[in-house]
Amino acid sequence: MKMVSFFAAALAGTLLSGCEEFEGEQAAEVTAPEYYPCRQVPQALAQADAVVRNPSRLSANEQNYWFDRKDRLVKRAWECKA
């Protein structure tokens, strides 16, 4: 009987430890290009340009996203220049 209680307690402890909040790395939030601070636009534009230069590894939806994002970042860069 003691063995069953021990295993039940161990199982309960294992289950409860699995309920802890995940503290790992989370995906970064994506800011719309229209709201980027001007000092961050060149870096974001360089990233989008690098992705767009090799579109064959992306799905059609991802290609559309990155091409649109690059265009919007270019517009934002012009707004920052003015």
N, C-alpha and C. Protein backbone atom coordinates (compact mmCIF):
# COMPACT_ATOMS: atom_id res chain seq x y z
N MET A 1 0.81 -1.19 0.00
CA MET A 1 0.00 0.00 0.00
C MET A 1 0.86 1.26 0.00
N LYS A 2 1.98 1.21 0.74
CA LYS A 2 2.88 2.35 0.78
C LYS A 2 3.47 2.62 -0.60
N MET A 3 3.73 1.54 -1.35
CA MET A 3 4.31 1.69 -2.68
C MET A 3 3.33 2.40 -3.62
N VAL A 4 2.06 2.08 -3.52
CA VAL A 4 1.04 2.71 -4.36
C VAL A 4 0.94 4.19 -4.02
N SER A 5 0.98 4.53 -2.73
CA SER A 5 0.92 5.93 -2.31
C SER A 5 2.14 6.70 -2.82
N PHE A 6 3.30 6.04 -2.76
CA PHE A 6 4.52 6.68 -3.23
C PHE A 6 4.44 6.99 -4.72
N PHE A 7 3.98 6.01 -5.51
CA PHE A 7 3.86 6.22 -6.95
C PHE A 7 2.79 7.26 -7.28
N ALA A 8 1.71 7.26 -6.54
CA ALA A 8 0.66 8.26 -6.76
C ALA A 8 1.20 9.66 -6.48
N ALA A 9 1.97 9.81 -5.42
CA ALA A 9 2.55 11.11 -5.08
C ALA A 9 3.57 11.53 -6.14
N ALA A 10 4.37 10.58 -6.60
CA ALA A 10 5.36 10.89 -7.63
C ALA A 10 4.67 11.30 -8.93
N LEU A 11 3.60 10.61 -9.29
CA LEU A 11 2.86 10.93 -10.50
C LEU A 11 2.22 12.30 -10.38
N ALA A 12 1.64 12.61 -9.24
CA ALA A 12 1.02 13.92 -9.02
C ALA A 12 2.08 15.03 -9.11
N GLY A 13 3.23 14.80 -8.54
CA GLY A 13 4.31 15.79 -8.61
C GLY A 13 4.79 16.01 -10.03
N THR A 14 4.87 14.93 -10.79
CA THR A 14 5.28 15.05 -12.19
C THR A 14 4.26 15.82 -13.00
N LEU A 15 3.00 15.55 -12.80
CA LEU A 15 1.95 16.23 -13.53
C LEU A 15 1.91 17.71 -13.18
N LEU A 16 2.08 18.03 -11.91
CA LEU A 16 2.05 19.43 -11.49
C LEU A 16 3.27 20.19 -12.00
N SER A 17 4.40 19.53 -12.08
CA SER A 17 5.59 20.22 -12.57
C SER A 17 5.47 20.53 -14.05
N GLY A 18 4.64 19.77 -14.77
CA GLY A 18 4.42 20.03 -16.18
C GLY A 18 3.51 21.22 -16.43
N CYS A 19 2.91 21.76 -15.38
CA CYS A 19 1.98 22.89 -15.52
C CYS A 19 2.67 24.24 -15.33
N GLU A 20 3.98 24.23 -15.21
CA GLU A 20 4.69 25.49 -15.02
C GLU A 20 4.63 26.33 -16.28
N GLU A 21 4.72 27.63 -16.10
CA GLU A 21 4.68 28.54 -17.24
C GLU A 21 5.95 28.42 -18.06
N PHE A 22 5.80 28.42 -19.36
CA PHE A 22 6.94 28.31 -20.27
C PHE A 22 7.69 29.62 -20.28
N GLU A 23 9.00 29.55 -20.02
CA GLU A 23 9.81 30.76 -19.97
C GLU A 23 10.86 30.77 -21.07
N GLY A 24 10.68 29.93 -22.09
CA GLY A 24 11.66 29.86 -23.17
C GLY A 24 11.56 31.05 -24.10
N GLU A 25 12.33 31.00 -25.15
CA GLU A 25 12.34 32.08 -26.12
C GLU A 25 11.03 32.09 -26.89
N GLN A 26 10.43 33.25 -26.99
CA GLN A 26 9.17 33.39 -27.70
C GLN A 26 9.41 34.18 -28.98
N ALA A 27 8.51 34.00 -29.93
CA ALA A 27 8.64 34.72 -31.20
C ALA A 27 8.54 36.22 -30.96
N ALA A 28 9.39 36.94 -31.64
CA ALA A 28 9.35 38.39 -31.51
C ALA A 28 8.10 38.95 -32.17
N GLU A 29 7.55 39.97 -31.56
CA GLU A 29 6.38 40.60 -32.15
C GLU A 29 6.81 41.39 -33.37
N VAL A 30 5.99 41.33 -34.39
CA VAL A 30 6.32 42.02 -35.63
C VAL A 30 5.62 43.36 -35.66
N THR A 31 6.38 44.40 -35.84
CA THR A 31 5.83 45.75 -35.92
C THR A 31 5.54 46.08 -37.38
N ALA A 32 4.42 46.68 -37.62
CA ALA A 32 4.09 47.12 -38.98
C ALA A 32 5.12 48.16 -39.42
N PRO A 33 5.55 48.11 -40.68
CA PRO A 33 6.58 49.03 -41.14
C PRO A 33 6.21 50.51 -40.95
N GLU A 34 4.94 50.82 -41.02
CA GLU A 34 4.52 52.22 -40.87
C GLU A 34 4.81 52.77 -39.48
N TYR A 35 5.02 51.90 -38.50
CA TYR A 35 5.25 52.34 -37.12
C TYR A 35 6.68 52.13 -36.66
N TYR A 36 7.57 51.74 -37.55
CA TYR A 36 8.97 51.54 -37.17
C TYR A 36 9.60 52.88 -36.85
N PRO A 37 10.40 52.93 -35.78
CA PRO A 37 11.18 54.14 -35.53
C PRO A 37 12.20 54.30 -36.67
N CYS A 38 12.43 55.52 -37.06
CA CYS A 38 13.30 55.78 -38.22
C CYS A 38 14.69 55.16 -38.06
N ARG A 39 15.20 55.11 -36.84
CA ARG A 39 16.55 54.57 -36.66
C ARG A 39 16.60 53.06 -36.87
N GLN A 40 15.46 52.35 -36.81
CA GLN A 40 15.43 50.90 -37.00
C GLN A 40 15.06 50.50 -38.43
N VAL A 41 14.66 51.44 -39.25
CA VAL A 41 14.22 51.12 -40.61
C VAL A 41 15.33 50.50 -41.45
N PRO A 42 16.56 51.04 -41.45
CA PRO A 42 17.60 50.43 -42.30
C PRO A 42 17.87 48.96 -41.97
N GLN A 43 17.88 48.61 -40.71
CA GLN A 43 18.12 47.22 -40.32
C GLN A 43 16.96 46.32 -40.76
N ALA A 44 15.74 46.77 -40.56
CA ALA A 44 14.57 45.99 -40.96
C ALA A 44 14.51 45.85 -42.48
N LEU A 45 14.87 46.90 -43.18
CA LEU A 45 14.89 46.86 -44.65
C LEU A 45 15.96 45.90 -45.15
N ALA A 46 17.10 45.87 -44.50
CA ALA A 46 18.16 44.94 -44.89
C ALA A 46 17.72 43.50 -44.67
N GLN A 47 17.01 43.24 -43.58
CA GLN A 47 16.52 41.89 -43.30
C GLN A 47 15.50 41.48 -44.37
N ALA A 48 14.56 42.35 -44.66
CA ALA A 48 13.53 42.03 -45.66
C ALA A 48 14.17 41.84 -47.04
N ASP A 49 15.15 42.65 -47.36
CA ASP A 49 15.83 42.53 -48.65
C ASP A 49 16.57 41.20 -48.76
N ALA A 50 17.21 40.77 -47.67
CA ALA A 50 17.92 39.49 -47.68
C ALA A 50 16.95 38.33 -47.89
N VAL A 51 15.78 38.39 -47.29
CA VAL A 51 14.80 37.32 -47.45
C VAL A 51 14.25 37.31 -48.87
N VAL A 52 13.99 38.50 -49.41
CA VAL A 52 13.40 38.61 -50.75
C VAL A 52 14.38 38.15 -51.83
N ARG A 53 15.66 38.26 -51.57
CA ARG A 53 16.66 37.86 -52.57
C ARG A 53 16.69 36.35 -52.80
N ASN A 54 16.15 35.57 -51.88
CA ASN A 54 16.12 34.12 -52.03
C ASN A 54 14.69 33.61 -51.79
N PRO A 55 13.77 33.97 -52.70
CA PRO A 55 12.36 33.63 -52.46
C PRO A 55 12.02 32.16 -52.73
N SER A 56 12.91 31.40 -53.33
CA SER A 56 12.60 30.02 -53.69
C SER A 56 12.37 29.12 -52.47
N ARG A 57 12.92 29.49 -51.33
CA ARG A 57 12.76 28.67 -50.13
C ARG A 57 11.51 29.04 -49.33
N LEU A 58 10.73 30.00 -49.82
CA LEU A 58 9.54 30.44 -49.11
C LEU A 58 8.27 29.95 -49.81
N SER A 59 7.23 29.78 -49.02
CA SER A 59 5.93 29.44 -49.61
C SER A 59 5.36 30.69 -50.28
N ALA A 60 4.30 30.53 -51.04
CA ALA A 60 3.70 31.66 -51.76
C ALA A 60 3.22 32.73 -50.78
N ASN A 61 2.62 32.32 -49.67
CA ASN A 61 2.14 33.29 -48.69
C ASN A 61 3.29 34.06 -48.06
N GLU A 62 4.38 33.36 -47.75
CA GLU A 62 5.54 34.03 -47.17
C GLU A 62 6.18 34.98 -48.17
N GLN A 63 6.22 34.58 -49.43
CA GLN A 63 6.76 35.48 -50.46
C GLN A 63 5.96 36.77 -50.54
N ASN A 64 4.64 36.62 -50.56
CA ASN A 64 3.78 37.81 -50.60
C ASN A 64 4.01 38.70 -49.39
N TYR A 65 4.12 38.09 -48.22
CA TYR A 65 4.35 38.85 -46.98
C TYR A 65 5.65 39.65 -47.07
N TRP A 66 6.74 38.98 -47.45
CA TRP A 66 8.04 39.65 -47.44
C TRP A 66 8.17 40.70 -48.54
N PHE A 67 7.60 40.43 -49.72
CA PHE A 67 7.65 41.44 -50.78
C PHE A 67 6.85 42.67 -50.37
N ASP A 68 5.67 42.46 -49.77
CA ASP A 68 4.85 43.58 -49.30
C ASP A 68 5.56 44.33 -48.18
N ARG A 69 6.15 43.59 -47.26
CA ARG A 69 6.86 44.22 -46.14
C ARG A 69 8.03 45.07 -46.64
N LYS A 70 8.75 44.55 -47.61
CA LYS A 70 9.88 45.32 -48.15
C LYS A 70 9.39 46.61 -48.80
N ASP A 71 8.32 46.54 -49.57
CA ASP A 71 7.77 47.74 -50.21
C ASP A 71 7.34 48.77 -49.16
N ARG A 72 6.69 48.29 -48.11
CA ARG A 72 6.23 49.20 -47.06
C ARG A 72 7.41 49.80 -46.29
N LEU A 73 8.48 49.03 -46.12
CA LEU A 73 9.67 49.56 -45.45
C LEU A 73 10.36 50.61 -46.31
N VAL A 74 10.36 50.40 -47.62
CA VAL A 74 10.94 51.41 -48.52
C VAL A 74 10.17 52.72 -48.40
N LYS A 75 8.84 52.61 -48.38
CA LYS A 75 8.02 53.82 -48.20
C LYS A 75 8.32 54.50 -46.87
N ARG A 76 8.48 53.71 -45.82
CA ARG A 76 8.79 54.26 -44.51
C ARG A 76 10.17 54.93 -44.51
N ALA A 77 11.12 54.36 -45.21
CA ALA A 77 12.45 54.95 -45.32
C ALA A 77 12.37 56.33 -45.98
N TRP A 78 11.54 56.45 -47.01
CA TRP A 78 11.36 57.75 -47.68
C TRP A 78 10.69 58.75 -46.75
N GLU A 79 9.74 58.29 -45.94
CA GLU A 79 9.09 59.19 -44.96
C GLU A 79 10.10 59.67 -43.94
N CYS A 80 11.00 58.80 -43.53
CA CYS A 80 12.00 59.18 -42.54
C CYS A 80 13.00 60.18 -43.11
N LYS A 81 13.27 60.09 -44.40
CA LYS A 81 14.19 61.02 -45.04
C LYS A 81 13.62 62.42 -45.14
N ALA A 82 12.34 62.52 -45.32
CA ALA A 82 11.70 63.82 -45.55
C ALA A 82 11.71 64.70 -44.32
